[in-house]
Amino acid sequence: MPAAPPSVQDLARRKLTKFLRRSSPGLGEPITALRDESGRIPVLELTWERLNDDVWRVVGIEDRRLDKRMVDSTIVECRVFFTPGEDCYLPGVVTALQSLVSAEQARARRPLKEHVAQVVTGSRIGASGPIFHSGRLEMDNGLGPGILLGSDLIAMDYIYGIALHEDDDRLARLKNVRIDSALRAVVFHFNDLLHVIGNVRTQIENDIAKGYFELPSPGAAL
């Protein structure tokens, strides 16, 4: 007699177990190591110096180079958290968490779901909008004439056009974007992603500690 298919709660527990394993301390360390005590990345923030009433310049930008291999390896490591269909896809992880707690507790986790949606929507990171723009207007950069590329789109074009795949449309949009700007966009938005991953993990650990639900032992098959 064939085994019964896994229940919704079995699948939810599998997702949370995988998420806890993949989000263990040290995730994204090359990026998190750049943070200050407030969780921001000051080394990437531009500092302007006033030379006279009409002239300003950016100082220290030559010291803010990012290593492409470091960024690419972090993208590969974190891909499962923003790729729909993966067990560790963040919106799905929160839905799984809500399915394992009481109805009242599930409602109390709606702000967490909204928090995740501000950073991950579909396969896109940075859904709340760009942090900076490409700094130039193109006659037509693939979005339409006269539209600036935002850092959120630059980051996703780099992720899916260079780091993970070779996409001609994305590569065309990045043609007029400096590689340093593209890497900076990824790091800015991945910093937000890593904060959200940490917050979701904290909530799951809190709920387990309070006995709201249990997960399979570490040696159990997923």
N, C-alpha and C. Protein backbone atom coordinates (compact mmCIF):
# COMPACT_ATOMS: atom_id res chain seq x y z
N MET A 1 0.86 -1.20 0.00
CA MET A 1 0.00 0.00 0.00
C MET A 1 0.89 1.24 0.00
N PRO A 2 0.67 2.17 -0.93
CA PRO A 2 1.52 3.34 -0.99
C PRO A 2 1.38 4.22 0.25
N ALA A 3 2.49 4.89 0.57
CA ALA A 3 2.47 5.77 1.74
C ALA A 3 1.57 6.97 1.47
N ALA A 4 0.98 7.47 2.54
CA ALA A 4 0.10 8.63 2.41
C ALA A 4 0.94 9.86 2.02
N PRO A 5 0.39 10.74 1.18
CA PRO A 5 1.14 11.94 0.80
C PRO A 5 1.36 12.83 2.02
N PRO A 6 2.42 13.59 2.01
CA PRO A 6 2.69 14.47 3.16
C PRO A 6 1.59 15.51 3.33
N SER A 7 1.27 15.82 4.55
CA SER A 7 0.25 16.82 4.83
C SER A 7 0.81 18.22 4.65
N VAL A 8 -0.09 19.21 4.67
CA VAL A 8 0.32 20.60 4.56
C VAL A 8 1.30 20.96 5.67
N GLN A 9 1.01 20.45 6.87
CA GLN A 9 1.90 20.77 7.99
C GLN A 9 3.25 20.06 7.86
N ASP A 10 3.25 18.84 7.30
CA ASP A 10 4.52 18.15 7.05
C ASP A 10 5.38 18.97 6.09
N LEU A 11 4.76 19.48 5.01
CA LEU A 11 5.49 20.29 4.04
C LEU A 11 5.97 21.59 4.66
N ALA A 12 5.16 22.17 5.54
CA ALA A 12 5.55 23.40 6.22
C ALA A 12 6.75 23.16 7.12
N ARG A 13 6.74 22.06 7.85
CA ARG A 13 7.86 21.74 8.72
C ARG A 13 9.14 21.50 7.91
N ARG A 14 8.98 20.86 6.73
CA ARG A 14 10.14 20.64 5.88
C ARG A 14 10.73 21.98 5.43
N LYS A 15 9.86 22.91 5.05
CA LYS A 15 10.34 24.23 4.61
C LYS A 15 11.10 24.94 5.73
N LEU A 16 10.52 24.93 6.92
CA LEU A 16 11.17 25.64 8.03
C LEU A 16 12.49 24.97 8.42
N THR A 17 12.53 23.64 8.36
CA THR A 17 13.77 22.93 8.68
C THR A 17 14.87 23.29 7.70
N LYS A 18 14.53 23.29 6.41
CA LYS A 18 15.51 23.68 5.39
C LYS A 18 15.93 25.13 5.56
N PHE A 19 14.95 25.99 5.85
CA PHE A 19 15.26 27.42 6.03
C PHE A 19 16.24 27.63 7.18
N LEU A 20 16.00 26.97 8.30
CA LEU A 20 16.89 27.13 9.45
C LEU A 20 18.29 26.64 9.12
N ARG A 21 18.38 25.58 8.33
CA ARG A 21 19.70 25.06 7.96
C ARG A 21 20.42 26.03 7.01
N ARG A 22 19.68 26.56 6.04
CA ARG A 22 20.31 27.43 5.04
C ARG A 22 20.59 28.83 5.58
N SER A 23 19.88 29.25 6.63
CA SER A 23 20.04 30.61 7.16
C SER A 23 20.89 30.63 8.43
N SER A 24 21.69 29.62 8.63
CA SER A 24 22.50 29.52 9.85
C SER A 24 23.47 30.69 9.95
N PRO A 25 23.97 31.01 11.15
CA PRO A 25 24.91 32.12 11.34
C PRO A 25 26.09 32.02 10.38
N GLY A 26 26.46 33.16 9.82
CA GLY A 26 27.52 33.20 8.83
C GLY A 26 27.00 33.40 7.43
N LEU A 27 25.66 33.28 7.23
CA LEU A 27 25.08 33.51 5.92
C LEU A 27 25.40 34.93 5.45
N GLY A 28 25.89 35.03 4.23
CA GLY A 28 26.18 36.35 3.66
C GLY A 28 27.26 37.11 4.38
N GLU A 29 28.17 36.39 5.02
CA GLU A 29 29.17 37.05 5.88
C GLU A 29 30.00 38.11 5.16
N PRO A 30 30.38 37.94 3.89
CA PRO A 30 31.15 39.01 3.25
C PRO A 30 30.41 40.35 3.25
N ILE A 31 29.06 40.29 3.18
CA ILE A 31 28.28 41.52 3.20
C ILE A 31 28.00 41.97 4.63
N THR A 32 27.59 41.05 5.49
CA THR A 32 27.28 41.43 6.87
C THR A 32 28.52 41.97 7.59
N ALA A 33 29.71 41.55 7.16
CA ALA A 33 30.94 42.05 7.78
C ALA A 33 31.16 43.53 7.51
N LEU A 34 30.47 44.08 6.50
CA LEU A 34 30.60 45.50 6.17
C LEU A 34 29.71 46.38 7.02
N ARG A 35 28.80 45.78 7.80
CA ARG A 35 27.83 46.56 8.56
C ARG A 35 28.45 47.27 9.75
N ASP A 36 27.82 48.39 10.13
CA ASP A 36 28.19 49.03 11.39
C ASP A 36 27.22 48.53 12.46
N GLU A 37 27.28 49.13 13.65
CA GLU A 37 26.45 48.66 14.76
C GLU A 37 24.95 48.81 14.50
N SER A 38 24.58 49.75 13.62
CA SER A 38 23.16 49.95 13.32
C SER A 38 22.66 49.02 12.22
N GLY A 39 23.58 48.25 11.62
CA GLY A 39 23.18 47.33 10.56
C GLY A 39 23.30 47.91 9.17
N ARG A 40 23.71 49.18 9.07
CA ARG A 40 23.92 49.81 7.77
C ARG A 40 25.31 49.48 7.25
N ILE A 41 25.57 49.85 5.99
CA ILE A 41 26.89 49.62 5.40
C ILE A 41 27.50 50.97 5.05
N PRO A 42 28.13 51.63 6.02
CA PRO A 42 28.64 52.98 5.78
C PRO A 42 29.73 53.05 4.73
N VAL A 43 30.47 51.96 4.52
CA VAL A 43 31.57 51.99 3.57
C VAL A 43 31.08 52.21 2.15
N LEU A 44 29.78 51.95 1.91
CA LEU A 44 29.24 52.15 0.57
C LEU A 44 28.49 53.47 0.42
N GLU A 45 28.33 54.20 1.50
CA GLU A 45 27.59 55.45 1.42
C GLU A 45 28.52 56.57 0.96
N LEU A 46 28.07 57.31 -0.04
CA LEU A 46 28.89 58.35 -0.62
C LEU A 46 28.94 59.56 0.30
N THR A 47 30.12 60.16 0.41
CA THR A 47 30.31 61.36 1.21
C THR A 47 30.65 62.51 0.27
N TRP A 48 29.89 63.60 0.39
CA TRP A 48 30.11 64.76 -0.47
C TRP A 48 30.89 65.83 0.26
N GLU A 49 31.84 66.42 -0.43
CA GLU A 49 32.66 67.50 0.13
C GLU A 49 32.45 68.76 -0.71
N ARG A 50 32.17 69.86 -0.03
CA ARG A 50 31.92 71.12 -0.74
C ARG A 50 33.23 71.84 -0.98
N LEU A 51 33.53 72.10 -2.26
CA LEU A 51 34.75 72.81 -2.62
C LEU A 51 34.52 74.32 -2.64
N ASN A 52 33.38 74.74 -3.15
CA ASN A 52 32.99 76.16 -3.10
C ASN A 52 31.46 76.21 -3.24
N ASP A 53 30.92 77.39 -3.45
CA ASP A 53 29.46 77.53 -3.48
C ASP A 53 28.79 76.68 -4.55
N ASP A 54 29.48 76.45 -5.65
CA ASP A 54 28.86 75.76 -6.77
C ASP A 54 29.44 74.39 -7.08
N VAL A 55 30.52 74.01 -6.38
CA VAL A 55 31.21 72.77 -6.73
C VAL A 55 31.26 71.83 -5.54
N TRP A 56 30.80 70.60 -5.77
CA TRP A 56 30.89 69.54 -4.77
C TRP A 56 31.60 68.35 -5.40
N ARG A 57 32.19 67.51 -4.59
CA ARG A 57 32.79 66.29 -5.12
C ARG A 57 32.54 65.14 -4.14
N VAL A 58 32.57 63.93 -4.69
CA VAL A 58 32.44 62.74 -3.86
C VAL A 58 33.83 62.35 -3.38
N VAL A 59 33.98 62.14 -2.07
CA VAL A 59 35.30 61.79 -1.53
C VAL A 59 35.31 60.35 -1.07
N GLY A 60 36.46 59.71 -1.23
CA GLY A 60 36.67 58.36 -0.74
C GLY A 60 36.09 57.26 -1.60
N ILE A 61 35.51 57.62 -2.77
CA ILE A 61 34.87 56.59 -3.58
C ILE A 61 35.88 55.60 -4.12
N GLU A 62 37.15 56.03 -4.28
CA GLU A 62 38.16 55.12 -4.80
C GLU A 62 38.47 54.00 -3.81
N ASP A 63 38.10 54.17 -2.53
CA ASP A 63 38.36 53.14 -1.52
C ASP A 63 37.18 52.20 -1.33
N ARG A 64 36.13 52.38 -2.12
CA ARG A 64 34.90 51.61 -1.90
C ARG A 64 34.67 50.59 -3.01
N ARG A 65 35.73 49.95 -3.44
CA ARG A 65 35.63 48.91 -4.46
C ARG A 65 35.07 47.62 -3.84
N LEU A 66 34.26 46.92 -4.59
CA LEU A 66 33.70 45.66 -4.12
C LEU A 66 34.28 44.52 -4.96
N ASP A 67 34.47 43.39 -4.32
CA ASP A 67 35.03 42.24 -5.00
C ASP A 67 33.91 41.47 -5.70
N LYS A 68 34.02 41.32 -7.02
CA LYS A 68 32.98 40.65 -7.80
C LYS A 68 32.79 39.21 -7.36
N ARG A 69 33.86 38.49 -7.07
CA ARG A 69 33.72 37.10 -6.66
C ARG A 69 32.96 37.00 -5.33
N MET A 70 33.23 37.93 -4.42
CA MET A 70 32.52 37.93 -3.15
C MET A 70 31.03 38.15 -3.36
N VAL A 71 30.69 39.11 -4.21
CA VAL A 71 29.28 39.39 -4.47
C VAL A 71 28.61 38.21 -5.16
N ASP A 72 29.28 37.65 -6.17
CA ASP A 72 28.70 36.53 -6.91
C ASP A 72 28.48 35.30 -6.01
N SER A 73 29.43 35.02 -5.13
CA SER A 73 29.28 33.86 -4.25
C SER A 73 28.12 34.06 -3.28
N THR A 74 27.91 35.29 -2.84
CA THR A 74 26.79 35.57 -1.93
C THR A 74 25.45 35.43 -2.66
N ILE A 75 25.42 35.84 -3.92
CA ILE A 75 24.20 35.68 -4.72
C ILE A 75 23.83 34.20 -4.83
N VAL A 76 24.82 33.36 -5.13
CA VAL A 76 24.56 31.92 -5.26
C VAL A 76 24.09 31.35 -3.92
N GLU A 77 24.72 31.77 -2.84
CA GLU A 77 24.37 31.28 -1.50
C GLU A 77 22.95 31.66 -1.11
N CYS A 78 22.51 32.85 -1.52
CA CYS A 78 21.21 33.38 -1.08
C CYS A 78 20.10 33.21 -2.11
N ARG A 79 20.41 32.61 -3.25
CA ARG A 79 19.44 32.49 -4.33
C ARG A 79 18.13 31.85 -3.86
N VAL A 80 18.21 30.85 -3.00
CA VAL A 80 17.00 30.11 -2.60
C VAL A 80 16.01 30.97 -1.83
N PHE A 81 16.46 32.08 -1.27
CA PHE A 81 15.58 32.90 -0.45
C PHE A 81 14.71 33.85 -1.28
N PHE A 82 15.09 34.10 -2.54
CA PHE A 82 14.29 34.99 -3.37
C PHE A 82 13.85 34.36 -4.68
N THR A 83 13.97 33.03 -4.78
CA THR A 83 13.56 32.32 -6.00
C THR A 83 12.25 31.58 -5.74
N PRO A 84 11.14 32.01 -6.38
CA PRO A 84 9.86 31.31 -6.20
C PRO A 84 10.00 29.83 -6.55
N GLY A 85 9.35 28.98 -5.76
CA GLY A 85 9.41 27.55 -5.97
C GLY A 85 10.41 26.85 -5.08
N GLU A 86 11.38 27.59 -4.54
CA GLU A 86 12.34 27.00 -3.61
C GLU A 86 11.70 26.87 -2.23
N ASP A 87 12.05 25.83 -1.49
CA ASP A 87 11.51 25.66 -0.14
C ASP A 87 11.85 26.82 0.78
N CYS A 88 12.99 27.47 0.54
CA CYS A 88 13.44 28.55 1.41
C CYS A 88 12.99 29.93 0.94
N TYR A 89 12.17 29.99 -0.11
CA TYR A 89 11.66 31.27 -0.61
C TYR A 89 10.95 32.00 0.53
N LEU A 90 11.39 33.20 0.85
CA LEU A 90 10.97 33.87 2.08
C LEU A 90 9.46 34.03 2.25
N PRO A 91 8.72 34.52 1.24
CA PRO A 91 7.27 34.61 1.45
C PRO A 91 6.65 33.25 1.76
N GLY A 92 7.14 32.19 1.14
CA GLY A 92 6.63 30.85 1.41
C GLY A 92 6.99 30.35 2.79
N VAL A 93 8.14 30.75 3.29
CA VAL A 93 8.57 30.36 4.63
C VAL A 93 7.63 30.97 5.67
N VAL A 94 7.28 32.24 5.49
CA VAL A 94 6.38 32.88 6.45
C VAL A 94 4.99 32.25 6.38
N THR A 95 4.53 31.92 5.18
CA THR A 95 3.24 31.23 5.04
C THR A 95 3.28 29.88 5.75
N ALA A 96 4.40 29.17 5.60
CA ALA A 96 4.55 27.88 6.29
C ALA A 96 4.51 28.07 7.80
N LEU A 97 5.18 29.09 8.29
CA LEU A 97 5.17 29.38 9.73
C LEU A 97 3.74 29.64 10.21
N GLN A 98 3.00 30.44 9.46
CA GLN A 98 1.63 30.75 9.86
C GLN A 98 0.75 29.50 9.90
N SER A 99 1.05 28.51 9.05
CA SER A 99 0.23 27.30 9.02
C SER A 99 0.48 26.38 10.21
N LEU A 100 1.57 26.61 10.94
CA LEU A 100 1.93 25.74 12.06
C LEU A 100 1.51 26.30 13.42
N VAL A 101 1.08 27.55 13.45
CA VAL A 101 0.68 28.17 14.71
C VAL A 101 -0.85 28.35 14.71
N SER A 102 -1.38 28.81 15.82
CA SER A 102 -2.83 29.00 15.93
C SER A 102 -3.28 30.13 15.01
N ALA A 103 -4.57 30.21 14.78
CA ALA A 103 -5.12 31.25 13.91
C ALA A 103 -4.79 32.65 14.45
N GLU A 104 -4.88 32.80 15.77
CA GLU A 104 -4.56 34.10 16.38
C GLU A 104 -3.09 34.45 16.19
N GLN A 105 -2.23 33.46 16.39
CA GLN A 105 -0.80 33.69 16.21
C GLN A 105 -0.46 33.96 14.74
N ALA A 106 -1.16 33.28 13.83
CA ALA A 106 -0.93 33.51 12.40
C ALA A 106 -1.27 34.95 12.04
N ARG A 107 -2.37 35.46 12.60
CA ARG A 107 -2.73 36.86 12.33
C ARG A 107 -1.68 37.80 12.89
N ALA A 108 -1.11 37.44 14.03
CA ALA A 108 -0.10 38.29 14.66
C ALA A 108 1.20 38.35 13.83
N ARG A 109 1.35 37.39 12.91
CA ARG A 109 2.56 37.37 12.06
C ARG A 109 2.35 38.04 10.72
N ARG A 110 1.21 38.68 10.53
CA ARG A 110 0.99 39.42 9.29
C ARG A 110 2.00 40.55 9.10
N PRO A 111 2.37 41.29 10.16
CA PRO A 111 3.40 42.31 9.96
C PRO A 111 4.72 41.73 9.46
N LEU A 112 5.05 40.50 9.89
CA LEU A 112 6.26 39.84 9.40
C LEU A 112 6.13 39.56 7.91
N LYS A 113 4.95 39.12 7.48
CA LYS A 113 4.70 38.85 6.07
C LYS A 113 4.83 40.14 5.25
N GLU A 114 4.31 41.25 5.79
CA GLU A 114 4.41 42.54 5.11
C GLU A 114 5.86 43.01 5.07
N HIS A 115 6.59 42.75 6.14
CA HIS A 115 8.01 43.10 6.22
C HIS A 115 8.79 42.38 5.13
N VAL A 116 8.51 41.10 4.95
CA VAL A 116 9.18 40.31 3.91
C VAL A 116 8.81 40.85 2.52
N ALA A 117 7.52 41.19 2.32
CA ALA A 117 7.06 41.67 1.02
C ALA A 117 7.69 42.99 0.63
N GLN A 118 8.16 43.76 1.60
CA GLN A 118 8.84 45.02 1.29
C GLN A 118 10.20 44.78 0.64
N VAL A 119 10.73 43.58 0.80
CA VAL A 119 12.06 43.28 0.26
C VAL A 119 11.99 42.23 -0.85
N VAL A 120 11.11 41.24 -0.73
CA VAL A 120 11.02 40.16 -1.73
C VAL A 120 9.60 40.09 -2.27
N THR A 121 9.45 40.33 -3.56
CA THR A 121 8.18 40.18 -4.25
C THR A 121 8.44 39.46 -5.57
N GLY A 122 7.76 38.35 -5.79
CA GLY A 122 8.08 37.55 -6.97
C GLY A 122 9.52 37.09 -6.88
N SER A 123 10.27 37.29 -7.93
CA SER A 123 11.70 36.93 -7.91
C SER A 123 12.57 38.17 -7.77
N ARG A 124 11.97 39.25 -7.30
CA ARG A 124 12.67 40.54 -7.25
C ARG A 124 13.00 40.93 -5.81
N ILE A 125 14.20 41.46 -5.63
CA ILE A 125 14.63 42.00 -4.34
C ILE A 125 14.57 43.52 -4.43
N GLY A 126 14.15 44.15 -3.34
CA GLY A 126 14.10 45.61 -3.35
C GLY A 126 12.77 46.11 -3.85
N ALA A 127 11.69 45.40 -3.49
CA ALA A 127 10.37 45.76 -4.00
C ALA A 127 9.91 47.13 -3.51
N SER A 128 10.50 47.61 -2.41
CA SER A 128 10.08 48.91 -1.88
C SER A 128 10.62 50.07 -2.68
N GLY A 129 11.50 49.80 -3.66
CA GLY A 129 11.99 50.87 -4.52
C GLY A 129 13.49 51.00 -4.50
N PRO A 130 14.02 51.78 -5.43
CA PRO A 130 15.47 51.92 -5.56
C PRO A 130 16.09 52.77 -4.46
N ILE A 131 17.33 52.47 -4.14
CA ILE A 131 18.10 53.28 -3.19
C ILE A 131 18.83 54.39 -3.93
N PHE A 132 19.28 54.10 -5.14
CA PHE A 132 19.89 55.11 -5.99
C PHE A 132 19.60 54.74 -7.43
N HIS A 133 19.90 55.68 -8.34
CA HIS A 133 19.67 55.44 -9.76
C HIS A 133 21.00 55.41 -10.50
N SER A 134 20.93 55.00 -11.77
CA SER A 134 22.15 54.83 -12.55
C SER A 134 22.87 56.14 -12.82
N GLY A 135 22.16 57.25 -12.67
CA GLY A 135 22.82 58.53 -12.80
C GLY A 135 22.84 59.09 -14.21
N ARG A 136 22.15 58.45 -15.12
CA ARG A 136 22.10 58.98 -16.48
C ARG A 136 20.77 58.60 -17.12
N LEU A 137 20.33 59.43 -18.04
CA LEU A 137 19.13 59.15 -18.81
C LEU A 137 19.54 58.63 -20.18
N GLU A 138 18.95 57.53 -20.59
CA GLU A 138 19.23 56.97 -21.90
C GLU A 138 18.02 57.24 -22.81
N MET A 139 18.28 57.37 -24.10
CA MET A 139 17.16 57.53 -25.02
C MET A 139 16.21 56.33 -24.91
N ASP A 140 16.79 55.14 -24.78
CA ASP A 140 15.97 53.96 -24.52
C ASP A 140 16.88 52.87 -23.97
N ASN A 141 16.80 52.66 -22.67
CA ASN A 141 17.67 51.66 -22.03
C ASN A 141 16.96 50.32 -21.82
N GLY A 142 15.87 50.14 -22.49
CA GLY A 142 15.12 48.89 -22.34
C GLY A 142 13.86 49.07 -21.51
N LEU A 143 13.77 50.18 -20.79
CA LEU A 143 12.57 50.47 -20.01
C LEU A 143 11.67 51.47 -20.71
N GLY A 144 12.23 52.17 -21.70
CA GLY A 144 11.53 53.24 -22.36
C GLY A 144 12.40 54.49 -22.36
N PRO A 145 12.14 55.44 -23.22
CA PRO A 145 13.00 56.63 -23.31
C PRO A 145 12.94 57.49 -22.07
N GLY A 146 14.09 57.96 -21.63
CA GLY A 146 14.15 58.92 -20.53
C GLY A 146 13.87 58.38 -19.16
N ILE A 147 14.00 57.05 -18.95
CA ILE A 147 13.73 56.47 -17.64
C ILE A 147 15.04 56.00 -17.01
N LEU A 148 15.30 56.45 -15.79
CA LEU A 148 16.52 56.05 -15.08
C LEU A 148 16.40 54.61 -14.58
N LEU A 149 17.51 53.90 -14.60
CA LEU A 149 17.56 52.57 -13.99
C LEU A 149 17.73 52.72 -12.48
N GLY A 150 16.82 52.15 -11.70
CA GLY A 150 16.95 52.18 -10.25
C GLY A 150 17.86 51.07 -9.76
N SER A 151 18.39 51.25 -8.56
CA SER A 151 19.32 50.26 -8.00
C SER A 151 18.68 48.89 -7.85
N ASP A 152 17.35 48.85 -7.59
CA ASP A 152 16.69 47.55 -7.45
C ASP A 152 16.70 46.78 -8.77
N LEU A 153 16.43 47.48 -9.88
CA LEU A 153 16.47 46.82 -11.17
C LEU A 153 17.91 46.51 -11.60
N ILE A 154 18.83 47.42 -11.31
CA ILE A 154 20.24 47.16 -11.61
C ILE A 154 20.69 45.87 -10.91
N ALA A 155 20.33 45.74 -9.64
CA ALA A 155 20.72 44.56 -8.88
C ALA A 155 20.16 43.29 -9.51
N MET A 156 18.87 43.30 -9.87
CA MET A 156 18.26 42.11 -10.44
C MET A 156 18.81 41.82 -11.83
N ASP A 157 19.11 42.87 -12.61
CA ASP A 157 19.72 42.66 -13.92
C ASP A 157 21.09 42.02 -13.77
N TYR A 158 21.84 42.44 -12.77
CA TYR A 158 23.15 41.84 -12.54
C TYR A 158 23.01 40.38 -12.10
N ILE A 159 22.08 40.12 -11.18
CA ILE A 159 21.89 38.76 -10.65
C ILE A 159 21.50 37.80 -11.76
N TYR A 160 20.47 38.18 -12.55
CA TYR A 160 19.95 37.27 -13.56
C TYR A 160 20.59 37.45 -14.94
N GLY A 161 21.32 38.55 -15.12
CA GLY A 161 21.96 38.78 -16.41
C GLY A 161 23.43 38.43 -16.45
N ILE A 162 24.07 38.37 -15.26
CA ILE A 162 25.51 38.09 -15.21
C ILE A 162 25.83 36.97 -14.23
N ALA A 163 25.41 37.12 -12.97
CA ALA A 163 25.85 36.18 -11.92
C ALA A 163 25.27 34.78 -12.10
N LEU A 164 23.97 34.69 -12.39
CA LEU A 164 23.31 33.38 -12.47
C LEU A 164 23.06 32.93 -13.91
N HIS A 165 22.79 33.87 -14.80
CA HIS A 165 22.47 33.53 -16.18
C HIS A 165 23.10 34.59 -17.09
N GLU A 166 22.94 34.38 -18.39
CA GLU A 166 23.29 35.40 -19.36
C GLU A 166 22.03 35.76 -20.13
N ASP A 167 21.46 36.91 -19.78
CA ASP A 167 20.21 37.35 -20.38
C ASP A 167 20.50 38.58 -21.23
N ASP A 168 20.20 38.49 -22.53
CA ASP A 168 20.56 39.57 -23.45
C ASP A 168 19.89 40.88 -23.10
N ASP A 169 18.61 40.85 -22.72
CA ASP A 169 17.90 42.09 -22.39
C ASP A 169 18.49 42.74 -21.15
N ARG A 170 18.80 41.94 -20.16
CA ARG A 170 19.38 42.49 -18.92
C ARG A 170 20.79 43.02 -19.19
N LEU A 171 21.56 42.29 -19.97
CA LEU A 171 22.91 42.74 -20.31
C LEU A 171 22.87 44.06 -21.07
N ALA A 172 21.88 44.22 -21.93
CA ALA A 172 21.76 45.47 -22.69
C ALA A 172 21.48 46.65 -21.76
N ARG A 173 20.65 46.43 -20.73
CA ARG A 173 20.37 47.52 -19.79
C ARG A 173 21.60 47.86 -18.96
N LEU A 174 22.43 46.85 -18.67
CA LEU A 174 23.62 47.09 -17.85
C LEU A 174 24.79 47.66 -18.65
N LYS A 175 24.63 47.74 -19.96
CA LYS A 175 25.73 48.19 -20.82
C LYS A 175 26.23 49.56 -20.41
N ASN A 176 25.32 50.42 -19.96
CA ASN A 176 25.70 51.79 -19.59
C ASN A 176 25.80 51.99 -18.08
N VAL A 177 25.92 50.88 -17.34
CA VAL A 177 26.07 50.95 -15.89
C VAL A 177 27.45 50.44 -15.52
N ARG A 178 28.19 51.21 -14.73
CA ARG A 178 29.51 50.78 -14.30
C ARG A 178 29.40 49.53 -13.44
N ILE A 179 30.37 48.63 -13.55
CA ILE A 179 30.35 47.40 -12.77
C ILE A 179 30.34 47.69 -11.28
N ASP A 180 31.07 48.74 -10.84
CA ASP A 180 31.06 49.10 -9.42
C ASP A 180 29.67 49.48 -8.96
N SER A 181 28.93 50.21 -9.82
CA SER A 181 27.57 50.60 -9.46
C SER A 181 26.66 49.38 -9.37
N ALA A 182 26.83 48.43 -10.28
CA ALA A 182 26.01 47.21 -10.25
C ALA A 182 26.29 46.40 -8.99
N LEU A 183 27.56 46.24 -8.64
CA LEU A 183 27.92 45.49 -7.43
C LEU A 183 27.40 46.21 -6.19
N ARG A 184 27.49 47.53 -6.18
CA ARG A 184 27.00 48.30 -5.03
C ARG A 184 25.49 48.10 -4.89
N ALA A 185 24.77 48.08 -6.01
CA ALA A 185 23.32 47.87 -5.96
C ALA A 185 22.99 46.52 -5.34
N VAL A 186 23.71 45.49 -5.76
CA VAL A 186 23.46 44.16 -5.20
C VAL A 186 23.71 44.15 -3.70
N VAL A 187 24.81 44.74 -3.27
CA VAL A 187 25.16 44.71 -1.84
C VAL A 187 24.15 45.49 -1.01
N PHE A 188 23.73 46.66 -1.48
CA PHE A 188 22.72 47.44 -0.76
C PHE A 188 21.45 46.62 -0.56
N HIS A 189 20.95 46.01 -1.63
CA HIS A 189 19.68 45.29 -1.53
C HIS A 189 19.85 43.95 -0.83
N PHE A 190 21.00 43.32 -0.97
CA PHE A 190 21.23 42.07 -0.23
C PHE A 190 21.37 42.35 1.26
N ASN A 191 21.84 43.51 1.63
CA ASN A 191 21.89 43.84 3.06
C ASN A 191 20.48 43.82 3.64
N ASP A 192 19.52 44.40 2.91
CA ASP A 192 18.12 44.35 3.34
C ASP A 192 17.62 42.90 3.37
N LEU A 193 17.95 42.14 2.32
CA LEU A 193 17.52 40.73 2.26
C LEU A 193 18.04 39.95 3.46
N LEU A 194 19.31 40.14 3.81
CA LEU A 194 19.90 39.41 4.92
C LEU A 194 19.29 39.83 6.26
N HIS A 195 18.93 41.11 6.39
CA HIS A 195 18.23 41.55 7.60
C HIS A 195 16.89 40.82 7.74
N VAL A 196 16.15 40.73 6.63
CA VAL A 196 14.84 40.08 6.66
C VAL A 196 14.98 38.58 6.95
N ILE A 197 15.96 37.94 6.34
CA ILE A 197 16.21 36.52 6.62
C ILE A 197 16.45 36.33 8.12
N GLY A 198 17.27 37.19 8.69
CA GLY A 198 17.55 37.11 10.12
C GLY A 198 16.31 37.31 10.98
N ASN A 199 15.45 38.24 10.57
CA ASN A 199 14.23 38.50 11.34
C ASN A 199 13.26 37.32 11.27
N VAL A 200 13.14 36.71 10.10
CA VAL A 200 12.27 35.53 9.96
C VAL A 200 12.82 34.38 10.81
N ARG A 201 14.12 34.18 10.76
CA ARG A 201 14.73 33.12 11.56
C ARG A 201 14.49 33.35 13.06
N THR A 202 14.62 34.59 13.51
CA THR A 202 14.39 34.91 14.92
C THR A 202 12.97 34.57 15.33
N GLN A 203 11.99 34.88 14.46
CA GLN A 203 10.59 34.59 14.79
C GLN A 203 10.35 33.09 14.86
N ILE A 204 10.92 32.33 13.94
CA ILE A 204 10.75 30.87 13.96
C ILE A 204 11.35 30.29 15.24
N GLU A 205 12.57 30.72 15.57
CA GLU A 205 13.23 30.21 16.78
C GLU A 205 12.43 30.58 18.02
N ASN A 206 11.86 31.78 18.04
CA ASN A 206 11.03 32.22 19.17
C ASN A 206 9.81 31.32 19.32
N ASP A 207 9.15 31.02 18.20
CA ASP A 207 7.93 30.21 18.26
C ASP A 207 8.22 28.77 18.67
N ILE A 208 9.36 28.24 18.24
CA ILE A 208 9.75 26.89 18.66
C ILE A 208 10.06 26.88 20.16
N ALA A 209 10.80 27.91 20.61
CA ALA A 209 11.17 27.98 22.03
C ALA A 209 9.94 28.08 22.93
N LYS A 210 8.89 28.73 22.43
CA LYS A 210 7.67 28.89 23.23
C LYS A 210 6.73 27.69 23.11
N GLY A 211 7.14 26.70 22.31
CA GLY A 211 6.36 25.49 22.20
C GLY A 211 5.15 25.59 21.29
N TYR A 212 5.12 26.58 20.40
CA TYR A 212 3.98 26.72 19.49
C TYR A 212 3.92 25.58 18.49
N PHE A 213 5.09 25.04 18.12
CA PHE A 213 5.15 23.88 17.23
C PHE A 213 6.54 23.26 17.39
N GLU A 214 6.70 22.07 16.80
CA GLU A 214 7.99 21.38 16.84
C GLU A 214 8.41 21.06 15.40
N LEU A 215 9.71 20.92 15.22
CA LEU A 215 10.27 20.50 13.95
C LEU A 215 10.90 19.13 14.10
N PRO A 216 11.05 18.40 13.00
CA PRO A 216 11.70 17.08 13.07
C PRO A 216 13.11 17.21 13.63
N SER A 217 13.60 16.13 14.22
CA SER A 217 14.97 16.13 14.74
C SER A 217 15.94 16.32 13.57
N PRO A 218 17.16 16.84 13.84
CA PRO A 218 18.11 17.13 12.76
C PRO A 218 18.41 15.95 11.86
N GLY A 219 18.34 14.72 12.36
CA GLY A 219 18.67 13.58 11.54
C GLY A 219 17.51 13.02 10.74
N ALA A 220 16.32 13.59 10.90
CA ALA A 220 15.14 13.07 10.19
C ALA A 220 15.19 13.43 8.72
N ALA A 221 14.65 12.56 7.87
CA ALA A 221 14.62 12.82 6.44
C ALA A 221 13.62 13.92 6.15
N LEU A 222 13.97 14.79 5.14
CA LEU A 222 13.09 15.87 4.76
C LEU A 222 12.23 15.47 3.56
